[in-house]
Amino acid sequence: MIFVEKVKVPNYQFGITVSNKVGKAVIRNRIKRQIKSIIDKNHYQNNFKCIIIIKKDILERNYHTLEKEINEYFFKCAILEDRNE
């Protein structure tokens, strides 16, 4: 689940949360690192806050599928400056 809120702040912010049901701390931290890596690859517009909530079904996806899904959602929300594939 991804929530995007437009705000009047001159920058952007991301928040990532992973449910305890996903697994132990090692698995949750690995998933957070993967999400942060995907976020760092793109250039974003300003004036938004984004919260990414990760549920247990994330374990069924590999990194490339996850990256494609997140980038498509960011593009749909119009928060990307340009689309990197």
PDB file of N, CA and C in Angstrom:
ATOM      1  N   MET A   1       0.839  -1.171   0.000  1.00  0.00           N
ATOM      2  CA  MET A   1       0.000   0.000   0.000  1.00  0.00           C
ATOM      3  C   MET A   1       0.883   1.233   0.000  1.00  0.00           C
ATOM      4  N   ILE A   2       0.522   2.183  -0.815  1.00  0.00           N
ATOM      5  CA  ILE A   2       1.275   3.428  -0.882  1.00  0.00           C
ATOM      6  C   ILE A   2       0.289   4.590  -0.777  1.00  0.00           C
ATOM      7  N   PHE A   3       0.577   5.506   0.123  1.00  0.00           N
ATOM      8  CA  PHE A   3      -0.235   6.714   0.281  1.00  0.00           C
ATOM      9  C   PHE A   3       0.623   7.921  -0.082  1.00  0.00           C
ATOM     10  N   VAL A   4       0.057   8.812  -0.899  1.00  0.00           N
ATOM     11  CA  VAL A   4       0.764  10.034  -1.285  1.00  0.00           C
ATOM     12  C   VAL A   4      -0.111  11.221  -0.902  1.00  0.00           C
ATOM     13  N   GLU A   5       0.510  12.181  -0.226  1.00  0.00           N
ATOM     14  CA  GLU A   5      -0.191  13.388   0.189  1.00  0.00           C
ATOM     15  C   GLU A   5       0.562  14.596  -0.352  1.00  0.00           C
ATOM     16  N   LYS A   6      -0.135  15.459  -1.059  1.00  0.00           N
ATOM     17  CA  LYS A   6       0.470  16.701  -1.543  1.00  0.00           C
ATOM     18  C   LYS A   6       0.485  17.710  -0.407  1.00  0.00           C
ATOM     19  N   VAL A   7       1.644  18.342  -0.195  1.00  0.00           N
ATOM     20  CA  VAL A   7       1.798  19.324   0.875  1.00  0.00           C
ATOM     21  C   VAL A   7       2.490  20.566   0.322  1.00  0.00           C
ATOM     22  N   LYS A   8       2.518  21.619   1.106  1.00  0.00           N
ATOM     23  CA  LYS A   8       3.138  22.871   0.668  1.00  0.00           C
ATOM     24  C   LYS A   8       4.542  23.021   1.248  1.00  0.00           C
ATOM     25  N   VAL A   9       5.250  21.926   1.322  1.00  0.00           N
ATOM     26  CA  VAL A   9       6.625  21.919   1.814  1.00  0.00           C
ATOM     27  C   VAL A   9       7.547  21.872   0.600  1.00  0.00           C
ATOM     28  N   PRO A  10       8.670  22.593   0.613  1.00  0.00           N
ATOM     29  CA  PRO A  10       9.515  22.658  -0.583  1.00  0.00           C
ATOM     30  C   PRO A  10      10.394  21.427  -0.811  1.00  0.00           C
ATOM     31  N   ASN A  11      10.020  20.275  -0.253  1.00  0.00           N
ATOM     32  CA  ASN A  11      10.779  19.055  -0.495  1.00  0.00           C
ATOM     33  C   ASN A  11       9.832  17.865  -0.436  1.00  0.00           C
ATOM     34  N   TYR A  12      10.384  16.664  -0.530  1.00  0.00           N
ATOM     35  CA  TYR A  12       9.557  15.467  -0.436  1.00  0.00           C
ATOM     36  C   TYR A  12      10.084  14.570   0.678  1.00  0.00           C
ATOM     37  N   GLN A  13       9.184  13.705   1.176  1.00  0.00           N
ATOM     38  CA  GLN A  13       9.551  12.795   2.261  1.00  0.00           C
ATOM     39  C   GLN A  13       8.937  11.423   1.989  1.00  0.00           C
ATOM     40  N   PHE A  14       9.684  10.381   2.366  1.00  0.00           N
ATOM     41  CA  PHE A  14       9.191   9.008   2.271  1.00  0.00           C
ATOM     42  C   PHE A  14       9.218   8.373   3.649  1.00  0.00           C
ATOM     43  N   GLY A  15       8.224   7.568   3.931  1.00  0.00           N
ATOM     44  CA  GLY A  15       8.191   6.767   5.139  1.00  0.00           C
ATOM     45  C   GLY A  15       7.919   5.325   4.749  1.00  0.00           C
ATOM     46  N   ILE A  16       8.663   4.396   5.329  1.00  0.00           N
ATOM     47  CA  ILE A  16       8.517   2.977   5.005  1.00  0.00           C
ATOM     48  C   ILE A  16       8.239   2.219   6.283  1.00  0.00           C
ATOM     49  N   THR A  17       7.197   1.398   6.279  1.00  0.00           N
ATOM     50  CA  THR A  17       6.902   0.549   7.418  1.00  0.00           C
ATOM     51  C   THR A  17       6.645  -0.866   6.916  1.00  0.00           C
ATOM     52  N   VAL A  18       7.182  -1.840   7.635  1.00  0.00           N
ATOM     53  CA  VAL A  18       7.038  -3.243   7.269  1.00  0.00           C
ATOM     54  C   VAL A  18       6.383  -3.970   8.449  1.00  0.00           C
ATOM     55  N   SER A  19       5.310  -4.678   8.165  1.00  0.00           N
ATOM     56  CA  SER A  19       4.563  -5.387   9.201  1.00  0.00           C
ATOM     57  C   SER A  19       5.407  -6.488   9.840  1.00  0.00           C
ATOM     58  N   ASN A  20       5.189  -6.724  11.123  1.00  0.00           N
ATOM     59  CA  ASN A  20       5.876  -7.814  11.819  1.00  0.00           C
ATOM     60  C   ASN A  20       5.512  -9.175  11.236  1.00  0.00           C
ATOM     61  N   LYS A  21       4.370  -9.271  10.577  1.00  0.00           N
ATOM     62  CA  LYS A  21       3.928 -10.526   9.981  1.00  0.00           C
ATOM     63  C   LYS A  21       4.779 -10.925   8.783  1.00  0.00           C
ATOM     64  N   VAL A  22       5.555  -9.989   8.238  1.00  0.00           N
ATOM     65  CA  VAL A  22       6.417 -10.281   7.093  1.00  0.00           C
ATOM     66  C   VAL A  22       7.524 -11.240   7.492  1.00  0.00           C
ATOM     67  N   GLY A  23       8.068 -11.077   8.665  1.00  0.00           N
ATOM     68  CA  GLY A  23       9.132 -11.964   9.112  1.00  0.00           C
ATOM     69  C   GLY A  23       9.914 -11.334  10.242  1.00  0.00           C
ATOM     70  N   LYS A  24      11.037 -11.951  10.544  1.00  0.00           N
ATOM     71  CA  LYS A  24      11.901 -11.436  11.610  1.00  0.00           C
ATOM     72  C   LYS A  24      12.609 -10.171  11.143  1.00  0.00           C
ATOM     73  N   ALA A  25      13.334  -9.540  12.044  1.00  0.00           N
ATOM     74  CA  ALA A  25      13.949  -8.237  11.786  1.00  0.00           C
ATOM     75  C   ALA A  25      14.884  -8.264  10.571  1.00  0.00           C
ATOM     76  N   VAL A  26      15.602  -9.358  10.373  1.00  0.00           N
ATOM     77  CA  VAL A  26      16.544  -9.444   9.249  1.00  0.00           C
ATOM     78  C   VAL A  26      15.798  -9.319   7.926  1.00  0.00           C
ATOM     79  N   ILE A  27      14.677 -10.001   7.795  1.00  0.00           N
ATOM     80  CA  ILE A  27      13.888  -9.961   6.565  1.00  0.00           C
ATOM     81  C   ILE A  27      13.253  -8.591   6.385  1.00  0.00           C
ATOM     82  N   ARG A  28      12.688  -8.033   7.459  1.00  0.00           N
ATOM     83  CA  ARG A  28      12.063  -6.708   7.366  1.00  0.00           C
ATOM     84  C   ARG A  28      13.079  -5.645   6.976  1.00  0.00           C
ATOM     85  N   ASN A  29      14.273  -5.697   7.543  1.00  0.00           N
ATOM     86  CA  ASN A  29      15.306  -4.716   7.208  1.00  0.00           C
ATOM     87  C   ASN A  29      15.788  -4.871   5.774  1.00  0.00           C
ATOM     88  N   ARG A  30      15.881  -6.107   5.276  1.00  0.00           N
ATOM     89  CA  ARG A  30      16.277  -6.332   3.878  1.00  0.00           C
ATOM     90  C   ARG A  30      15.255  -5.710   2.933  1.00  0.00           C
ATOM     91  N   ILE A  31      13.977  -5.897   3.237  1.00  0.00           N
ATOM     92  CA  ILE A  31      12.922  -5.328   2.404  1.00  0.00           C
ATOM     93  C   ILE A  31      12.985  -3.804   2.440  1.00  0.00           C
ATOM     94  N   LYS A  32      13.210  -3.218   3.612  1.00  0.00           N
ATOM     95  CA  LYS A  32      13.332  -1.757   3.709  1.00  0.00           C
ATOM     96  C   LYS A  32      14.517  -1.249   2.894  1.00  0.00           C
ATOM     97  N   ARG A  33      15.639  -1.962   2.935  1.00  0.00           N
ATOM     98  CA  ARG A  33      16.805  -1.565   2.135  1.00  0.00           C
ATOM     99  C   ARG A  33      16.496  -1.633   0.647  1.00  0.00           C
ATOM    100  N   GLN A  34      15.747  -2.653   0.219  1.00  0.00           N
ATOM    101  CA  GLN A  34      15.375  -2.762  -1.186  1.00  0.00           C
ATOM    102  C   GLN A  34      14.470  -1.606  -1.600  1.00  0.00           C
ATOM    103  N   ILE A  35      13.503  -1.261  -0.763  1.00  0.00           N
ATOM    104  CA  ILE A  35      12.596  -0.147  -1.068  1.00  0.00           C
ATOM    105  C   ILE A  35      13.384   1.159  -1.143  1.00  0.00           C
ATOM    106  N   LYS A  36      14.294   1.377  -0.194  1.00  0.00           N
ATOM    107  CA  LYS A  36      15.108   2.594  -0.215  1.00  0.00           C
ATOM    108  C   LYS A  36      15.964   2.659  -1.470  1.00  0.00           C
ATOM    109  N   SER A  37      16.476   1.532  -1.914  1.00  0.00           N
ATOM    110  CA  SER A  37      17.269   1.483  -3.136  1.00  0.00           C
ATOM    111  C   SER A  37      16.429   1.878  -4.345  1.00  0.00           C
ATOM    112  N   ILE A  38      15.201   1.404  -4.403  1.00  0.00           N
ATOM    113  CA  ILE A  38      14.294   1.755  -5.503  1.00  0.00           C
ATOM    114  C   ILE A  38      13.983   3.245  -5.461  1.00  0.00           C
ATOM    115  N   ILE A  39      13.736   3.778  -4.279  1.00  0.00           N
ATOM    116  CA  ILE A  39      13.428   5.202  -4.131  1.00  0.00           C
ATOM    117  C   ILE A  39      14.613   6.055  -4.578  1.00  0.00           C
ATOM    118  N   ASP A  40      15.826   5.657  -4.216  1.00  0.00           N
ATOM    119  CA  ASP A  40      17.017   6.450  -4.536  1.00  0.00           C
ATOM    120  C   ASP A  40      17.345   6.487  -6.028  1.00  0.00           C
ATOM    121  N   LYS A  41      16.821   5.571  -6.809  1.00  0.00           N
ATOM    122  CA  LYS A  41      17.124   5.520  -8.245  1.00  0.00           C
ATOM    123  C   LYS A  41      16.361   6.564  -9.058  1.00  0.00           C
ATOM    124  N   ASN A  42      15.331   7.170  -8.480  1.00  0.00           N
ATOM    125  CA  ASN A  42      14.472   8.093  -9.222  1.00  0.00           C
ATOM    126  C   ASN A  42      14.700   9.541  -8.805  1.00  0.00           C
ATOM    127  N   HIS A  43      14.208  10.443  -9.650  1.00  0.00           N
ATOM    128  CA  HIS A  43      14.198  11.877  -9.352  1.00  0.00           C
ATOM    129  C   HIS A  43      12.741  12.284  -9.164  1.00  0.00           C
ATOM    130  N   TYR A  44      12.474  13.016  -8.092  1.00  0.00           N
ATOM    131  CA  TYR A  44      11.094  13.321  -7.718  1.00  0.00           C
ATOM    132  C   TYR A  44      10.811  14.813  -7.760  1.00  0.00           C
ATOM    133  N   GLN A  45       9.526  15.113  -7.943  1.00  0.00           N
ATOM    134  CA  GLN A  45       9.070  16.481  -7.790  1.00  0.00           C
ATOM    135  C   GLN A  45       9.023  16.775  -6.297  1.00  0.00           C
ATOM    136  N   ASN A  46       8.863  18.015  -5.952  1.00  0.00           N
ATOM    137  CA  ASN A  46       8.754  18.396  -4.547  1.00  0.00           C
ATOM    138  C   ASN A  46       7.287  18.444  -4.125  1.00  0.00           C
ATOM    139  N   ASN A  47       7.070  18.797  -2.895  1.00  0.00           N
ATOM    140  CA  ASN A  47       5.735  19.054  -2.348  1.00  0.00           C
ATOM    141  C   ASN A  47       4.877  17.804  -2.166  1.00  0.00           C
ATOM    142  N   PHE A  48       5.448  16.728  -1.640  1.00  0.00           N
ATOM    143  CA  PHE A  48       4.627  15.580  -1.303  1.00  0.00           C
ATOM    144  C   PHE A  48       5.266  14.771  -0.176  1.00  0.00           C
ATOM    145  N   LYS A  49       4.410  14.002   0.487  1.00  0.00           N
ATOM    146  CA  LYS A  49       4.843  13.019   1.475  1.00  0.00           C
ATOM    147  C   LYS A  49       4.287  11.676   1.026  1.00  0.00           C
ATOM    148  N   CYS A  50       5.094  10.634   1.144  1.00  0.00           N
ATOM    149  CA  CYS A  50       4.690   9.310   0.689  1.00  0.00           C
ATOM    150  C   CYS A  50       4.943   8.307   1.812  1.00  0.00           C
ATOM    151  N   ILE A  51       3.928   7.502   2.107  1.00  0.00           N
ATOM    152  CA  ILE A  51       4.049   6.447   3.105  1.00  0.00           C
ATOM    153  C   ILE A  51       3.865   5.114   2.392  1.00  0.00           C
ATOM    154  N   ILE A  52       4.837   4.228   2.562  1.00  0.00           N
ATOM    155  CA  ILE A  52       4.785   2.905   1.944  1.00  0.00           C
ATOM    156  C   ILE A  52       4.611   1.884   3.061  1.00  0.00           C
ATOM    157  N   ILE A  53       3.500   1.140   3.011  1.00  0.00           N
ATOM    158  CA  ILE A  53       3.202   0.117   4.013  1.00  0.00           C
ATOM    159  C   ILE A  53       3.345  -1.243   3.344  1.00  0.00           C
ATOM    160  N   ILE A  54       4.242  -2.057   3.880  1.00  0.00           N
ATOM    161  CA  ILE A  54       4.548  -3.352   3.290  1.00  0.00           C
ATOM    162  C   ILE A  54       3.825  -4.445   4.064  1.00  0.00           C
ATOM    163  N   LYS A  55       3.120  -5.299   3.328  1.00  0.00           N
ATOM    164  CA  LYS A  55       2.398  -6.422   3.933  1.00  0.00           C
ATOM    165  C   LYS A  55       3.094  -7.740   3.584  1.00  0.00           C
ATOM    166  N   LYS A  56       2.556  -8.838   4.082  1.00  0.00           N
ATOM    167  CA  LYS A  56       3.190 -10.147   3.954  1.00  0.00           C
ATOM    168  C   LYS A  56       3.302 -10.617   2.504  1.00  0.00           C
ATOM    169  N   ASP A  57       2.406 -10.211   1.621  1.00  0.00           N
ATOM    170  CA  ASP A  57       2.459 -10.681   0.233  1.00  0.00           C
ATOM    171  C   ASP A  57       3.690 -10.182  -0.522  1.00  0.00           C
ATOM    172  N   ILE A  58       4.484  -9.312   0.077  1.00  0.00           N
ATOM    173  CA  ILE A  58       5.725  -8.835  -0.538  1.00  0.00           C
ATOM    174  C   ILE A  58       6.708  -9.987  -0.752  1.00  0.00           C
ATOM    175  N   LEU A  59       6.609 -11.017   0.056  1.00  0.00           N
ATOM    176  CA  LEU A  59       7.545 -12.138  -0.030  1.00  0.00           C
ATOM    177  C   LEU A  59       7.391 -12.925  -1.329  1.00  0.00           C
ATOM    178  N   GLU A  60       6.263 -12.758  -2.012  1.00  0.00           N
ATOM    179  CA  GLU A  60       6.018 -13.458  -3.274  1.00  0.00           C
ATOM    180  C   GLU A  60       6.659 -12.751  -4.461  1.00  0.00           C
ATOM    181  N   ARG A  61       7.179 -11.552  -4.267  1.00  0.00           N
ATOM    182  CA  ARG A  61       7.744 -10.762  -5.367  1.00  0.00           C
ATOM    183  C   ARG A  61       9.267 -10.736  -5.277  1.00  0.00           C
ATOM    184  N   ASN A  62       9.898 -10.705  -6.442  1.00  0.00           N
ATOM    185  CA  ASN A  62      11.342 -10.503  -6.454  1.00  0.00           C
ATOM    186  C   ASN A  62      11.628  -9.003  -6.584  1.00  0.00           C
ATOM    187  N   TYR A  63      12.894  -8.634  -6.519  1.00  0.00           N
ATOM    188  CA  TYR A  63      13.283  -7.222  -6.514  1.00  0.00           C
ATOM    189  C   TYR A  63      12.831  -6.501  -7.772  1.00  0.00           C
ATOM    190  N   HIS A  64      13.021  -7.118  -8.945  1.00  0.00           N
ATOM    191  CA  HIS A  64      12.701  -6.444 -10.205  1.00  0.00           C
ATOM    192  C   HIS A  64      11.197  -6.222 -10.371  1.00  0.00           C
ATOM    193  N   THR A  65      10.405  -7.174  -9.931  1.00  0.00           N
ATOM    194  CA  THR A  65       8.951  -7.008  -9.971  1.00  0.00           C
ATOM    195  C   THR A  65       8.522  -5.897  -9.027  1.00  0.00           C
ATOM    196  N   LEU A  66       9.092  -5.887  -7.844  1.00  0.00           N
ATOM    197  CA  LEU A  66       8.783  -4.853  -6.861  1.00  0.00           C
ATOM    198  C   LEU A  66       9.160  -3.472  -7.392  1.00  0.00           C
ATOM    199  N   GLU A  67      10.342  -3.362  -7.990  1.00  0.00           N
ATOM    200  CA  GLU A  67      10.792  -2.093  -8.545  1.00  0.00           C
ATOM    201  C   GLU A  67       9.852  -1.606  -9.641  1.00  0.00           C
ATOM    202  N   LYS A  68       9.435  -2.500 -10.512  1.00  0.00           N
ATOM    203  CA  LYS A  68       8.525  -2.129 -11.598  1.00  0.00           C
ATOM    204  C   LYS A  68       7.185  -1.646 -11.043  1.00  0.00           C
ATOM    205  N   GLU A  69       6.628  -2.364 -10.072  1.00  0.00           N
ATOM    206  CA  GLU A  69       5.331  -1.981  -9.493  1.00  0.00           C
ATOM    207  C   GLU A  69       5.395  -0.632  -8.789  1.00  0.00           C
ATOM    208  N   ILE A  70       6.452  -0.406  -8.010  1.00  0.00           N
ATOM    209  CA  ILE A  70       6.576   0.862  -7.283  1.00  0.00           C
ATOM    210  C   ILE A  70       6.761   2.020  -8.252  1.00  0.00           C
ATOM    211  N   ASN A  71       7.611   1.852  -9.266  1.00  0.00           N
ATOM    212  CA  ASN A  71       7.831   2.925 -10.238  1.00  0.00           C
ATOM    213  C   ASN A  71       6.576   3.233 -11.036  1.00  0.00           C
ATOM    214  N   GLU A  72       5.792   2.219 -11.381  1.00  0.00           N
ATOM    215  CA  GLU A  72       4.534   2.456 -12.087  1.00  0.00           C
ATOM    216  C   GLU A  72       3.575   3.255 -11.209  1.00  0.00           C
ATOM    217  N   TYR A  73       3.527   2.929  -9.926  1.00  0.00           N
ATOM    218  CA  TYR A  73       2.644   3.668  -9.024  1.00  0.00           C
ATOM    219  C   TYR A  73       3.102   5.112  -8.864  1.00  0.00           C
ATOM    220  N   PHE A  74       4.407   5.320  -8.713  1.00  0.00           N
ATOM    221  CA  PHE A  74       4.933   6.684  -8.612  1.00  0.00           C
ATOM    222  C   PHE A  74       4.622   7.480  -9.878  1.00  0.00           C
ATOM    223  N   PHE A  75       4.754   6.840 -11.027  1.00  0.00           N
ATOM    224  CA  PHE A  75       4.459   7.515 -12.293  1.00  0.00           C
ATOM    225  C   PHE A  75       2.969   7.871 -12.367  1.00  0.00           C
ATOM    226  N   LYS A  76       2.117   6.953 -11.932  1.00  0.00           N
ATOM    227  CA  LYS A  76       0.675   7.181 -11.947  1.00  0.00           C
ATOM    228  C   LYS A  76       0.288   8.331 -11.020  1.00  0.00           C
ATOM    229  N   CYS A  77       0.994   8.459  -9.906  1.00  0.00           N
ATOM    230  CA  CYS A  77       0.714   9.539  -8.945  1.00  0.00           C
ATOM    231  C   CYS A  77       1.345  10.866  -9.364  1.00  0.00           C
ATOM    232  N   ALA A  78       2.108  10.856 -10.430  1.00  0.00           N
ATOM    233  CA  ALA A  78       2.746  12.067 -10.975  1.00  0.00           C
ATOM    234  C   ALA A  78       3.701  12.712  -9.980  1.00  0.00           C
ATOM    235  N   ILE A  79       4.508  11.896  -9.312  1.00  0.00           N
ATOM    236  CA  ILE A  79       5.501  12.449  -8.405  1.00  0.00           C
ATOM    237  C   ILE A  79       6.917  12.302  -8.956  1.00  0.00           C
ATOM    238  N   LEU A  80       7.065  11.594 -10.071  1.00  0.00           N
ATOM    239  CA  LEU A  80       8.377  11.447 -10.699  1.00  0.00           C
ATOM    240  C   LEU A  80       8.657  12.614 -11.629  1.00  0.00           C
ATOM    241  N   GLU A  81       9.899  13.078 -11.651  1.00  0.00           N
ATOM    242  CA  GLU A  81      10.278  14.086 -12.626  1.00  0.00           C
ATOM    243  C   GLU A  81      10.467  13.461 -13.996  1.00  0.00           C
ATOM    244  N   ASP A  82      11.139  12.331 -14.021  1.00  0.00           N
ATOM    245  CA  ASP A  82      11.269  11.562 -15.256  1.00  0.00           C
ATOM    246  C   ASP A  82      11.244  10.086 -14.891  1.00  0.00           C
ATOM    247  N   ARG A  83      10.869   9.256 -15.858  1.00  0.00           N
ATOM    248  CA  ARG A  83      10.720   7.836 -15.568  1.00  0.00           C
ATOM    249  C   ARG A  83      12.001   7.097 -15.894  1.00  0.00           C
ATOM    250  N   ASN A  84      12.622   6.476 -14.876  1.00  0.00           N
ATOM    251  CA  ASN A  84      13.826   5.642 -15.066  1.00  0.00           C
ATOM    252  C   ASN A  84      13.418   4.188 -15.081  1.00  0.00           C
ATOM    253  N   GLU A  85      13.799   3.488 -16.120  1.00  0.00           N
ATOM    254  CA  GLU A  85      13.461   2.064 -16.199  1.00  0.00           C
ATOM    255  C   GLU A  85      14.694   1.236 -16.247  1.00  0.00           C
TER     256      GLU A  85
END
